C-alpha cells in the first residue's frame, strides 16, 4: 500500500501553467526533441544560411567604376568579371593547389592510417592519436610562421640540403617554372608543404576510421584465393577504404580552398581566392566582386559534397 501511495505522489500532476507545460512536453517525446534542436536550427537558419543568402544577393550587385559606390540593381556584370583572365587565373590556381594538397595528403595518410588500424594496439594506438592531434593543439599562426622560418634561405631545411651536399637539387627544384622561386618560403612548393602539414591530420583520422571497419578476414580471404599484395590493395582494401579517403578530402580540399593566411605568409604575390576576397572587400571596397569570389568555393564544394555523398563518404565522418 505504501508503494502505491509513493508512486501516486511521484506521478501526481503539478499545479501551475509552467509545470503543466513541462509535464506535457515530457509526455510527448517528439515535441521535446523539437524544442531541443530549435535553438541550433534557428542559429543555423538565421545566422549561417541567412548570411549566405545575403552574400549571394550582394554578388548580383555591381560597383560604379567612377564613384566606387555599390549599385543595388540586379546584374550579372560582377560574375562576368570572374571570367576575366586575371580573376580566372586566381580561381584555377586555388583549385589546383587544393587538389594537389588533397591528393598528397591521401597518399601520405593512407600508410599511416593503415599502420594505426592494423598494428597499433593499446597504448601505441593512444600515442598515435596524440601524435596526429598534437599539431592541431598549437596556434595556427605560430605553425605558419614557424614554417616560414624553416623554408627561408637561412632556415633549417636549406641547412640540411647543404650538409647533405644536395644544394644543387634544391636549386634545381626552385628553378622550375611556376612552382619555383628564390626560396621555398616564396614559392608555390613552400605553400604546398605548409598546407600539407596543417591539413594532414584531417585526412588521417577519417581514413583510419574507415580502415578500422575493414575486416582482416576479407584481405586474408583474397590472399588465400591467390591475390597478390598489390591486387589485394587495389581490389579489396582501397575500395572499402575509399569512403574514408573521400571524407578526409572534404576537409583538406575545402580548408585549402578557402584559406588566405598561408598564401599571405608563405608564397609569392599571386593571389588565391581567400586573398582575393580579403583584398576586394577590404582594400578595394568592391563588395559585390568579393561576394562573387566567395560564391565560387561554395559552388565547388556543393558539387564536391554531392559526389562524396554518392560515394558514401559521410558514413566515414
C-alpha atoms as a PDB file:
ATOM      1  CA  UNK A   1       0.000   0.000   0.000  1.00  0.00           C
ATOM      2  CA  UNK A   2       2.864   2.320   0.780  1.00  0.00           C
ATOM      3  CA  UNK A   3       4.395   1.636  -2.681  1.00  0.00           C
ATOM      4  CA  UNK A   4       1.165   2.648  -4.398  1.00  0.00           C
ATOM      5  CA  UNK A   5       0.955   5.874  -2.466  1.00  0.00           C
ATOM      6  CA  UNK A   6       4.571   6.738  -3.230  1.00  0.00           C
ATOM      7  CA  UNK A   7       4.053   6.106  -6.973  1.00  0.00           C
ATOM      8  CA  UNK A   8       0.961   8.246  -6.926  1.00  0.00           C
ATOM      9  CA  UNK A   9       2.928  11.003  -5.282  1.00  0.00           C
ATOM     10  CA  UNK A  10       5.651  10.762  -7.902  1.00  0.00           C
ATOM     11  CA  UNK A  11       3.312  10.946 -10.893  1.00  0.00           C
ATOM     12  CA  UNK A  12       0.837  13.376  -9.425  1.00  0.00           C
ATOM     13  CA  UNK A  13       0.196  16.324 -11.773  1.00  0.00           C
ATOM     14  CA  UNK A  14       1.791  19.564 -10.717  1.00  0.00           C
ATOM     15  CA  UNK A  15      -0.058  22.853 -10.477  1.00  0.00           C
ATOM     16  CA  UNK A  16       0.696  25.982 -12.434  1.00  0.00           C
ATOM     17  CA  UNK A  17       0.781  26.589 -16.225  1.00  0.00           C
ATOM     18  CA  UNK A  18       4.552  26.233 -16.494  1.00  0.00           C
ATOM     19  CA  UNK A  19       4.611  22.932 -14.613  1.00  0.00           C
ATOM     20  CA  UNK A  20       1.732  21.567 -16.718  1.00  0.00           C
ATOM     21  CA  UNK A  21       3.554  22.636 -19.902  1.00  0.00           C
ATOM     22  CA  UNK A  22       6.703  20.819 -18.760  1.00  0.00           C
ATOM     23  CA  UNK A  23       4.700  17.694 -17.958  1.00  0.00           C
ATOM     24  CA  UNK A  24       3.019  17.831 -21.365  1.00  0.00           C
ATOM     25  CA  UNK A  25       6.374  18.161 -23.151  1.00  0.00           C
ATOM     26  CA  UNK A  26       7.815  15.233 -21.213  1.00  0.00           C
ATOM     27  CA  UNK A  27       4.850  13.073 -22.219  1.00  0.00           C
ATOM     28  CA  UNK A  28       5.408  13.951 -25.897  1.00  0.00           C
ATOM     29  CA  UNK A  29       8.992  12.950 -26.883  1.00  0.00           C
ATOM     30  CA  UNK A  30       8.750  14.393 -30.379  1.00  0.00           C
ATOM     31  CA  UNK A  31       7.928  17.841 -29.049  1.00  0.00           C
ATOM     32  CA  UNK A  32      10.768  17.528 -26.556  1.00  0.00           C
ATOM     33  CA  UNK A  33      13.243  16.725 -29.363  1.00  0.00           C
ATOM     34  CA  UNK A  34      11.835  19.563 -31.478  1.00  0.00           C
ATOM     35  CA  UNK A  35      12.342  22.114 -28.702  1.00  0.00           C
ATOM     36  CA  UNK A  36      15.808  20.697 -28.038  1.00  0.00           C
ATOM     37  CA  UNK A  37      17.034  21.274 -31.599  1.00  0.00           C
ATOM     38  CA  UNK A  38      15.087  24.508 -32.142  1.00  0.00           C
ATOM     39  CA  UNK A  39      17.823  26.903 -30.876  1.00  0.00           C
ATOM     40  CA  UNK A  40      20.593  25.470 -33.044  1.00  0.00           C
ATOM     41  CA  UNK A  41      18.193  25.293 -36.002  1.00  0.00           C
ATOM     42  CA  UNK A  42      17.340  28.966 -35.597  1.00  0.00           C
ATOM     43  CA  UNK A  43      21.034  29.802 -35.289  1.00  0.00           C
ATOM     44  CA  UNK A  44      21.904  27.955 -38.498  1.00  0.00           C
ATOM     45  CA  UNK A  45      18.860  29.263 -40.311  1.00  0.00           C
ATOM     46  CA  UNK A  46      19.181  32.917 -39.368  1.00  0.00           C
ATOM     47  CA  UNK A  47      22.890  33.493 -38.853  1.00  0.00           C
ATOM     48  CA  UNK A  48      24.554  30.977 -41.170  1.00  0.00           C
ATOM     49  CA  UNK A  49      22.107  30.403 -44.014  1.00  0.00           C
ATOM     50  CA  UNK A  50      20.875  33.991 -43.773  1.00  0.00           C
ATOM     51  CA  UNK A  51      24.433  35.262 -44.163  1.00  0.00           C
ATOM     52  CA  UNK A  52      24.946  33.039 -47.209  1.00  0.00           C
ATOM     53  CA  UNK A  53      21.749  34.344 -48.800  1.00  0.00           C
ATOM     54  CA  UNK A  54      22.813  37.930 -48.127  1.00  0.00           C
ATOM     55  CA  UNK A  55      26.194  37.128 -49.659  1.00  0.00           C
ATOM     56  CA  UNK A  56      24.544  35.647 -52.735  1.00  0.00           C
ATOM     57  CA  UNK A  57      22.354  38.725 -53.138  1.00  0.00           C
ATOM     58  CA  UNK A  58      25.393  41.014 -52.870  1.00  0.00           C
ATOM     59  CA  UNK A  59      27.116  39.115 -55.685  1.00  0.00           C
ATOM     60  CA  UNK A  60      24.330  40.154 -58.098  1.00  0.00           C
ATOM     61  CA  UNK A  61      25.036  43.832 -57.493  1.00  0.00           C
ATOM     62  CA  UNK A  62      27.805  45.842 -59.142  1.00  0.00           C
ATOM     63  CA  UNK A  63      30.059  48.740 -58.282  1.00  0.00           C
ATOM     64  CA  UNK A  64      30.196  52.051 -60.088  1.00  0.00           C
ATOM     65  CA  UNK A  65      33.654  52.352 -61.632  1.00  0.00           C
ATOM     66  CA  UNK A  66      33.767  56.137 -61.229  1.00  0.00           C
ATOM     67  CA  UNK A  67      32.275  56.730 -57.777  1.00  0.00           C
ATOM     68  CA  UNK A  68      33.069  53.343 -56.211  1.00  0.00           C
ATOM     69  CA  UNK A  69      29.524  53.125 -54.840  1.00  0.00           C
ATOM     70  CA  UNK A  70      27.666  49.800 -54.900  1.00  0.00           C
ATOM     71  CA  UNK A  71      24.775  49.879 -57.378  1.00  0.00           C
ATOM     72  CA  UNK A  72      21.879  47.897 -55.886  1.00  0.00           C
ATOM     73  CA  UNK A  73      20.454  46.688 -59.199  1.00  0.00           C
ATOM     74  CA  UNK A  74      20.275  43.068 -60.330  1.00  0.00           C
ATOM     75  CA  UNK A  75      23.034  42.322 -62.842  1.00  0.00           C
ATOM     76  CA  UNK A  76      25.401  39.546 -63.933  1.00  0.00           C
ATOM     77  CA  UNK A  77      28.188  42.024 -64.582  1.00  0.00           C
ATOM     78  CA  UNK A  78      30.113  41.035 -61.453  1.00  0.00           C
ATOM     79  CA  UNK A  79      30.081  37.363 -62.417  1.00  0.00           C
ATOM     80  CA  UNK A  80      31.310  38.369 -65.840  1.00  0.00           C
ATOM     81  CA  UNK A  81      34.335  39.923 -64.137  1.00  0.00           C
ATOM     82  CA  UNK A  82      35.210  36.498 -62.705  1.00  0.00           C
ATOM     83  CA  UNK A  83      35.805  35.271 -66.262  1.00  0.00           C
ATOM     84  CA  UNK A  84      38.474  37.881 -66.879  1.00  0.00           C
ATOM     85  CA  UNK A  85      41.917  36.258 -67.281  1.00  0.00           C
ATOM     86  CA  UNK A  86      43.308  37.675 -64.033  1.00  0.00           C
ATOM     87  CA  UNK A  87      40.378  36.554 -61.876  1.00  0.00           C
ATOM     88  CA  UNK A  88      40.014  33.223 -63.662  1.00  0.00           C
ATOM     89  CA  UNK A  89      43.702  32.580 -63.019  1.00  0.00           C
ATOM     90  CA  UNK A  90      43.100  33.103 -59.277  1.00  0.00           C
ATOM     91  CA  UNK A  91      40.290  30.529 -59.291  1.00  0.00           C
ATOM     92  CA  UNK A  92      42.253  27.928 -61.262  1.00  0.00           C
ATOM     93  CA  UNK A  93      45.353  28.468 -59.099  1.00  0.00           C
ATOM     94  CA  UNK A  94      43.376  27.924 -55.906  1.00  0.00           C
ATOM     95  CA  UNK A  95      41.577  24.822 -57.175  1.00  0.00           C
ATOM     96  CA  UNK A  96      44.853  23.330 -58.439  1.00  0.00           C
ATOM     97  CA  UNK A  97      46.524  23.910 -55.067  1.00  0.00           C
ATOM     98  CA  UNK A  98      43.558  22.424 -53.170  1.00  0.00           C
ATOM     99  CA  UNK A  99      43.501  19.355 -55.441  1.00  0.00           C
ATOM    100  CA  UNK A 100      47.274  18.764 -55.184  1.00  0.00           C
ATOM    101  CA  UNK A 101      47.230  19.105 -51.374  1.00  0.00           C
ATOM    102  CA  UNK A 102      44.296  16.679 -51.167  1.00  0.00           C
ATOM    103  CA  UNK A 103      45.987  14.058 -53.358  1.00  0.00           C
ATOM    104  CA  UNK A 104      49.295  14.329 -51.498  1.00  0.00           C
ATOM    105  CA  UNK A 105      47.525  14.148 -48.123  1.00  0.00           C
ATOM    106  CA  UNK A 106      45.708  10.975 -49.198  1.00  0.00           C
ATOM    107  CA  UNK A 107      48.977   9.350 -50.342  1.00  0.00           C
ATOM    108  CA  UNK A 108      50.747  10.210 -47.074  1.00  0.00           C
ATOM    109  CA  UNK A 109      47.806   9.471 -44.783  1.00  0.00           C
ATOM    110  CA  UNK A 110      46.959   6.008 -46.083  1.00  0.00           C
ATOM    111  CA  UNK A 111      50.070   4.108 -44.847  1.00  0.00           C
ATOM    112  CA  UNK A 112      49.995   5.978 -41.528  1.00  0.00           C
ATOM    113  CA  UNK A 113      46.313   5.188 -41.031  1.00  0.00           C
ATOM    114  CA  UNK A 114      46.832   1.577 -42.140  1.00  0.00           C
ATOM    115  CA  UNK A 115      49.580   1.049 -39.582  1.00  0.00           C
ATOM    116  CA  UNK A 116      47.395   2.532 -36.833  1.00  0.00           C
ATOM    117  CA  UNK A 117      44.371   0.421 -37.815  1.00  0.00           C
ATOM    118  CA  UNK A 118      46.200  -2.883 -38.249  1.00  0.00           C
ATOM    119  CA  UNK A 119      49.221  -2.891 -35.956  1.00  0.00           C
ATOM    120  CA  UNK A 120      48.873  -0.198 -33.250  1.00  0.00           C
ATOM    121  CA  UNK A 121      47.325  -1.610 -30.089  1.00  0.00           C
ATOM    122  CA  UNK A 122      46.671  -0.295 -26.607  1.00  0.00           C
ATOM    123  CA  UNK A 123      48.998   2.484 -25.547  1.00  0.00           C
ATOM    124  CA  UNK A 124      50.564   2.645 -29.025  1.00  0.00           C
ATOM    125  CA  UNK A 125      47.192   3.496 -30.553  1.00  0.00           C
ATOM    126  CA  UNK A 126      46.696   6.181 -27.905  1.00  0.00           C
ATOM    127  CA  UNK A 127      50.160   7.508 -28.757  1.00  0.00           C
ATOM    128  CA  UNK A 128      49.167   7.526 -32.431  1.00  0.00           C
ATOM    129  CA  UNK A 129      46.104   9.675 -31.742  1.00  0.00           C
ATOM    130  CA  UNK A 130      48.125  12.058 -29.605  1.00  0.00           C
ATOM    131  CA  UNK A 131      50.789  12.328 -32.312  1.00  0.00           C
ATOM    132  CA  UNK A 132      48.206  13.060 -35.008  1.00  0.00           C
ATOM    133  CA  UNK A 133      46.194  15.530 -32.947  1.00  0.00           C
ATOM    134  CA  UNK A 134      49.118  17.299 -31.254  1.00  0.00           C
ATOM    135  CA  UNK A 135      49.803  19.716 -34.157  1.00  0.00           C
ATOM    136  CA  UNK A 136      46.161  20.811 -34.000  1.00  0.00           C
ATOM    137  CA  UNK A 137      46.572  21.950 -30.399  1.00  0.00           C
ATOM    138  CA  UNK A 138      49.107  24.637 -31.238  1.00  0.00           C
ATOM    139  CA  UNK A 139      48.326  28.056 -32.679  1.00  0.00           C
ATOM    140  CA  UNK A 140      47.592  28.145 -36.398  1.00  0.00           C
ATOM    141  CA  UNK A 141      49.597  31.352 -36.914  1.00  0.00           C
ATOM    142  CA  UNK A 142      52.542  30.032 -34.891  1.00  0.00           C
ATOM    143  CA  UNK A 143      52.733  26.959 -37.119  1.00  0.00           C
ATOM    144  CA  UNK A 144      52.615  29.014 -40.309  1.00  0.00           C
ATOM    145  CA  UNK A 145      55.280  31.481 -39.170  1.00  0.00           C
ATOM    146  CA  UNK A 146      57.426  28.584 -37.935  1.00  0.00           C
ATOM    147  CA  UNK A 147      57.271  27.058 -41.401  1.00  0.00           C
ATOM    148  CA  UNK A 148      58.148  30.446 -42.867  1.00  0.00           C
ATOM    149  CA  UNK A 149      61.426  30.295 -40.900  1.00  0.00           C
ATOM    150  CA  UNK A 150      62.031  26.644 -41.764  1.00  0.00           C
ATOM    151  CA  UNK A 151      61.612  27.273 -45.501  1.00  0.00           C
ATOM    152  CA  UNK A 152      63.626  30.512 -45.618  1.00  0.00           C
ATOM    153  CA  UNK A 153      67.062  30.657 -47.243  1.00  0.00           C
ATOM    154  CA  UNK A 154      68.648  30.754 -43.804  1.00  0.00           C
ATOM    155  CA  UNK A 155      66.277  28.054 -42.495  1.00  0.00           C
ATOM    156  CA  UNK A 156      66.994  24.562 -41.276  1.00  0.00           C
ATOM    157  CA  UNK A 157      65.790  22.906 -44.480  1.00  0.00           C
ATOM    158  CA  UNK A 158      68.361  24.725 -46.600  1.00  0.00           C
ATOM    159  CA  UNK A 159      70.985  23.881 -43.963  1.00  0.00           C
ATOM    160  CA  UNK A 160      70.119  20.165 -44.212  1.00  0.00           C
ATOM    161  CA  UNK A 161      70.390  20.235 -48.008  1.00  0.00           C
ATOM    162  CA  UNK A 162      73.774  21.956 -47.693  1.00  0.00           C
ATOM    163  CA  UNK A 163      75.050  19.395 -45.170  1.00  0.00           C
ATOM    164  CA  UNK A 164      73.982  16.559 -47.457  1.00  0.00           C
ATOM    165  CA  UNK A 165      75.626  18.310 -50.436  1.00  0.00           C
ATOM    166  CA  UNK A 166      72.249  18.429 -52.176  1.00  0.00           C
ATOM    167  CA  UNK A 167      72.059  22.184 -52.695  1.00  0.00           C
ATOM    168  CA  UNK A 168      72.153  21.569 -56.428  1.00  0.00           C
ATOM    169  CA  UNK A 169      68.945  19.513 -56.119  1.00  0.00           C
ATOM    170  CA  UNK A 170      67.151  22.249 -54.176  1.00  0.00           C
ATOM    171  CA  UNK A 171      68.301  24.888 -56.672  1.00  0.00           C
ATOM    172  CA  UNK A 172      67.018  22.701 -59.499  1.00  0.00           C
ATOM    173  CA  UNK A 173      63.619  22.388 -57.846  1.00  0.00           C
ATOM    174  CA  UNK A 174      63.404  26.129 -57.205  1.00  0.00           C
ATOM    175  CA  UNK A 175      64.320  26.838 -60.820  1.00  0.00           C
ATOM    176  CA  UNK A 176      61.213  25.042 -62.072  1.00  0.00           C
ATOM    177  CA  UNK A 177      58.759  27.406 -63.764  1.00  0.00           C
ATOM    178  CA  UNK A 178      55.546  28.431 -61.972  1.00  0.00           C
ATOM    179  CA  UNK A 179      56.133  26.410 -58.778  1.00  0.00           C
ATOM    180  CA  UNK A 180      59.699  27.618 -58.099  1.00  0.00           C
ATOM    181  CA  UNK A 181      61.086  30.848 -56.684  1.00  0.00           C
ATOM    182  CA  UNK A 182      64.019  32.498 -54.941  1.00  0.00           C
ATOM    183  CA  UNK A 183      63.498  30.268 -51.901  1.00  0.00           C
ATOM    184  CA  UNK A 184      60.990  27.731 -50.623  1.00  0.00           C
ATOM    185  CA  UNK A 185      59.336  30.384 -48.465  1.00  0.00           C
ATOM    186  CA  UNK A 186      58.345  32.440 -51.526  1.00  0.00           C
ATOM    187  CA  UNK A 187      57.303  29.608 -53.852  1.00  0.00           C
ATOM    188  CA  UNK A 188      54.247  27.503 -54.522  1.00  0.00           C
ATOM    189  CA  UNK A 189      56.230  24.492 -53.305  1.00  0.00           C
ATOM    190  CA  UNK A 190      56.532  26.112 -49.882  1.00  0.00           C
ATOM    191  CA  UNK A 191      52.832  26.993 -49.842  1.00  0.00           C
ATOM    192  CA  UNK A 192      52.026  23.400 -50.762  1.00  0.00           C
ATOM    193  CA  UNK A 193      54.221  21.988 -47.963  1.00  0.00           C
ATOM    194  CA  UNK A 194      52.631  24.219 -45.326  1.00  0.00           C
ATOM    195  CA  UNK A 195      49.107  23.369 -46.457  1.00  0.00           C
ATOM    196  CA  UNK A 196      50.001  19.671 -46.445  1.00  0.00           C
ATOM    197  CA  UNK A 197      51.407  19.806 -42.923  1.00  0.00           C
ATOM    198  CA  UNK A 198      48.484  21.740 -41.462  1.00  0.00           C
ATOM    199  CA  UNK A 199      45.629  19.731 -43.022  1.00  0.00           C
ATOM    200  CA  UNK A 200      47.184  16.230 -42.982  1.00  0.00           C
ATOM    201  CA  UNK A 201      45.565  15.215 -39.635  1.00  0.00           C
ATOM    202  CA  UNK A 202      42.145  15.897 -41.147  1.00  0.00           C
ATOM    203  CA  UNK A 203      42.882  13.185 -43.722  1.00  0.00           C
ATOM    204  CA  UNK A 204      44.495  10.635 -41.399  1.00  0.00           C
ATOM    205  CA  UNK A 205      41.624  10.323 -38.910  1.00  0.00           C
ATOM    206  CA  UNK A 206      38.786   9.531 -41.415  1.00  0.00           C
ATOM    207  CA  UNK A 207      40.998   7.103 -43.339  1.00  0.00           C
ATOM    208  CA  UNK A 208      41.990   5.344 -40.123  1.00  0.00           C
ATOM    209  CA  UNK A 209      38.329   5.110 -39.095  1.00  0.00           C
ATOM    210  CA  UNK A 210      37.419   3.599 -42.479  1.00  0.00           C
ATOM    211  CA  UNK A 211      40.263   1.062 -42.306  1.00  0.00           C
ATOM    212  CA  UNK A 212      39.131   0.020 -38.819  1.00  0.00           C
ATOM    213  CA  UNK A 213      35.865  -1.147 -40.411  1.00  0.00           C
ATOM    214  CA  UNK A 214      37.628  -3.344 -42.986  1.00  0.00           C
ATOM    215  CA  UNK A 215      37.762  -6.883 -41.601  1.00  0.00           C
ATOM    216  CA  UNK A 216      41.066  -8.727 -41.764  1.00  0.00           C
ATOM    217  CA  UNK A 217      39.139 -11.779 -42.932  1.00  0.00           C
ATOM    218  CA  UNK A 218      38.440 -10.100 -46.275  1.00  0.00           C
ATOM    219  CA  UNK A 219      42.094  -9.417 -47.051  1.00  0.00           C
ATOM    220  CA  UNK A 220      43.117 -12.861 -45.805  1.00  0.00           C
ATOM    221  CA  UNK A 221      40.439 -14.481 -47.969  1.00  0.00           C
ATOM    222  CA  UNK A 222      41.697 -12.559 -51.003  1.00  0.00           C
ATOM    223  CA  UNK A 223      45.244 -13.774 -50.291  1.00  0.00           C
ATOM    224  CA  UNK A 224      44.012 -17.365 -49.930  1.00  0.00           C
ATOM    225  CA  UNK A 225      42.348 -17.056 -53.334  1.00  0.00           C
ATOM    226  CA  UNK A 226      45.687 -16.118 -54.892  1.00  0.00           C
ATOM    227  CA  UNK A 227      45.604 -12.330 -54.877  1.00  0.00           C
ATOM    228  CA  UNK A 228      48.985 -10.645 -54.773  1.00  0.00           C
ATOM    229  CA  UNK A 229      49.553  -7.849 -52.216  1.00  0.00           C
ATOM    230  CA  UNK A 230      49.093  -5.290 -54.998  1.00  0.00           C
ATOM    231  CA  UNK A 231      45.839  -6.903 -56.141  1.00  0.00           C
ATOM    232  CA  UNK A 232      44.672  -7.181 -52.536  1.00  0.00           C
ATOM    233  CA  UNK A 233      45.238  -3.464 -52.051  1.00  0.00           C
ATOM    234  CA  UNK A 234      43.732  -2.388 -55.368  1.00  0.00           C
ATOM    235  CA  UNK A 235      40.669  -4.671 -55.412  1.00  0.00           C
ATOM    236  CA  UNK A 236      39.802  -5.135 -51.725  1.00  0.00           C
ATOM    237  CA  UNK A 237      41.398  -2.675 -49.322  1.00  0.00           C
ATOM    238  CA  UNK A 238      41.271   0.537 -51.352  1.00  0.00           C
ATOM    239  CA  UNK A 239      37.607   0.263 -52.487  1.00  0.00           C
ATOM    240  CA  UNK A 240      36.468  -0.413 -48.925  1.00  0.00           C
ATOM    241  CA  UNK A 241      38.571   2.436 -47.503  1.00  0.00           C
ATOM    242  CA  UNK A 242      37.698   4.872 -50.285  1.00  0.00           C
ATOM    243  CA  UNK A 243      34.767   6.496 -48.402  1.00  0.00           C
ATOM    244  CA  UNK A 244      37.227   7.434 -45.644  1.00  0.00           C
ATOM    245  CA  UNK A 245      39.625   8.933 -48.187  1.00  0.00           C
ATOM    246  CA  UNK A 246      36.803  10.945 -49.748  1.00  0.00           C
ATOM    247  CA  UNK A 247      35.634  12.052 -46.285  1.00  0.00           C
ATOM    248  CA  UNK A 248      39.142  13.283 -45.474  1.00  0.00           C
ATOM    249  CA  UNK A 249      39.377  15.012 -48.817  1.00  0.00           C
ATOM    250  CA  UNK A 250      36.282  17.060 -47.932  1.00  0.00           C
ATOM    251  CA  UNK A 251      38.268  18.657 -45.113  1.00  0.00           C
ATOM    252  CA  UNK A 252      41.602  19.071 -46.890  1.00  0.00           C
ATOM    253  CA  UNK A 253      40.079  20.342 -50.134  1.00  0.00           C
ATOM    254  CA  UNK A 254      37.610  22.794 -48.569  1.00  0.00           C
ATOM    255  CA  UNK A 255      40.060  24.141 -45.980  1.00  0.00           C
ATOM    256  CA  UNK A 256      42.741  24.734 -48.614  1.00  0.00           C
ATOM    257  CA  UNK A 257      40.190  26.256 -50.973  1.00  0.00           C
ATOM    258  CA  UNK A 258      39.140  28.956 -48.524  1.00  0.00           C
ATOM    259  CA  UNK A 259      42.398  29.645 -46.672  1.00  0.00           C
ATOM    260  CA  UNK A 260      44.049  33.035 -47.138  1.00  0.00           C
ATOM    261  CA  UNK A 261      46.560  33.174 -44.276  1.00  0.00           C
ATOM    262  CA  UNK A 262      49.031  30.559 -45.545  1.00  0.00           C
ATOM    263  CA  UNK A 263      49.368  32.108 -49.043  1.00  0.00           C
ATOM    264  CA  UNK A 264      49.674  35.513 -47.412  1.00  0.00           C
ATOM    265  CA  UNK A 265      52.669  34.444 -45.290  1.00  0.00           C
ATOM    266  CA  UNK A 266      54.280  31.676 -47.357  1.00  0.00           C
ATOM    267  CA  UNK A 267      54.383  32.075 -51.111  1.00  0.00           C
ATOM    268  CA  UNK A 268      54.688  34.760 -53.751  1.00  0.00           C
ATOM    269  CA  UNK A 269      52.456  37.723 -54.519  1.00  0.00           C
ATOM    270  CA  UNK A 270      49.993  35.825 -56.712  1.00  0.00           C
ATOM    271  CA  UNK A 271      46.586  35.718 -55.048  1.00  0.00           C
ATOM    272  CA  UNK A 272      44.351  32.845 -54.024  1.00  0.00           C
ATOM    273  CA  UNK A 273      40.563  33.061 -53.660  1.00  0.00           C
ATOM    274  CA  UNK A 274      40.729  33.853 -49.947  1.00  0.00           C
ATOM    275  CA  UNK A 275      43.217  36.655 -50.544  1.00  0.00           C
ATOM    276  CA  UNK A 276      41.123  37.986 -53.413  1.00  0.00           C
ATOM    277  CA  UNK A 277      38.050  38.148 -51.173  1.00  0.00           C
ATOM    278  CA  UNK A 278      40.033  39.930 -48.460  1.00  0.00           C
ATOM    279  CA  UNK A 279      41.544  42.391 -50.955  1.00  0.00           C
ATOM    280  CA  UNK A 280      38.310  43.192 -52.778  1.00  0.00           C
ATOM    281  CA  UNK A 281      36.305  43.590 -49.583  1.00  0.00           C
ATOM    282  CA  UNK A 282      38.912  45.441 -47.515  1.00  0.00           C
ATOM    283  CA  UNK A 283      41.354  47.314 -49.747  1.00  0.00           C
ATOM    284  CA  UNK A 284      39.385  47.825 -52.961  1.00  0.00           C
ATOM    285  CA  UNK A 285      35.958  48.098 -51.325  1.00  0.00           C
ATOM    286  CA  UNK A 286      34.395  46.047 -54.130  1.00  0.00           C
ATOM    287  CA  UNK A 287      31.958  44.035 -52.012  1.00  0.00           C
ATOM    288  CA  UNK A 288      29.990  42.563 -54.978  1.00  0.00           C
ATOM    289  CA  UNK A 289      33.157  41.109 -56.526  1.00  0.00           C
ATOM    290  CA  UNK A 290      34.286  39.808 -53.110  1.00  0.00           C
ATOM    291  CA  UNK A 291      30.884  38.131 -52.722  1.00  0.00           C
ATOM    292  CA  UNK A 292      31.125  36.629 -56.216  1.00  0.00           C
ATOM    293  CA  UNK A 293      34.578  35.228 -55.387  1.00  0.00           C
ATOM    294  CA  UNK A 294      33.112  33.721 -52.214  1.00  0.00           C
ATOM    295  CA  UNK A 295      30.325  32.019 -54.144  1.00  0.00           C
ATOM    296  CA  UNK A 296      32.899  30.137 -56.255  1.00  0.00           C
ATOM    297  CA  UNK A 297      34.189  27.814 -53.478  1.00  0.00           C
ATOM    298  CA  UNK A 298      30.617  27.374 -52.204  1.00  0.00           C
ATOM    299  CA  UNK A 299      29.533  26.086 -55.619  1.00  0.00           C
ATOM    300  CA  UNK A 300      32.654  23.925 -55.973  1.00  0.00           C
ATOM    301  CA  UNK A 301      32.176  22.372 -52.524  1.00  0.00           C
ATOM    302  CA  UNK A 302      28.467  21.847 -53.188  1.00  0.00           C
ATOM    303  CA  UNK A 303      29.296  19.758 -56.258  1.00  0.00           C
ATOM    304  CA  UNK A 304      32.110  18.027 -54.375  1.00  0.00           C
ATOM    305  CA  UNK A 305      29.876  17.131 -51.423  1.00  0.00           C
ATOM    306  CA  UNK A 306      27.203  15.802 -53.762  1.00  0.00           C
ATOM    307  CA  UNK A 307      29.765  13.473 -55.353  1.00  0.00           C
ATOM    308  CA  UNK A 308      31.160  12.493 -51.938  1.00  0.00           C
ATOM    309  CA  UNK A 309      27.683  11.592 -50.708  1.00  0.00           C
ATOM    310  CA  UNK A 310      27.188   9.348 -53.724  1.00  0.00           C
ATOM    311  CA  UNK A 311      30.415   7.525 -52.758  1.00  0.00           C
ATOM    312  CA  UNK A 312      29.257   7.024 -49.152  1.00  0.00           C
ATOM    313  CA  UNK A 313      31.857   9.349 -47.680  1.00  0.00           C
ATOM    314  CA  UNK A 314      29.515  10.677 -44.990  1.00  0.00           C
ATOM    315  CA  UNK A 315      29.413   7.196 -43.429  1.00  0.00           C
ATOM    316  CA  UNK A 316      33.137   7.570 -42.617  1.00  0.00           C
ATOM    317  CA  UNK A 317      32.870  11.012 -40.985  1.00  0.00           C
END
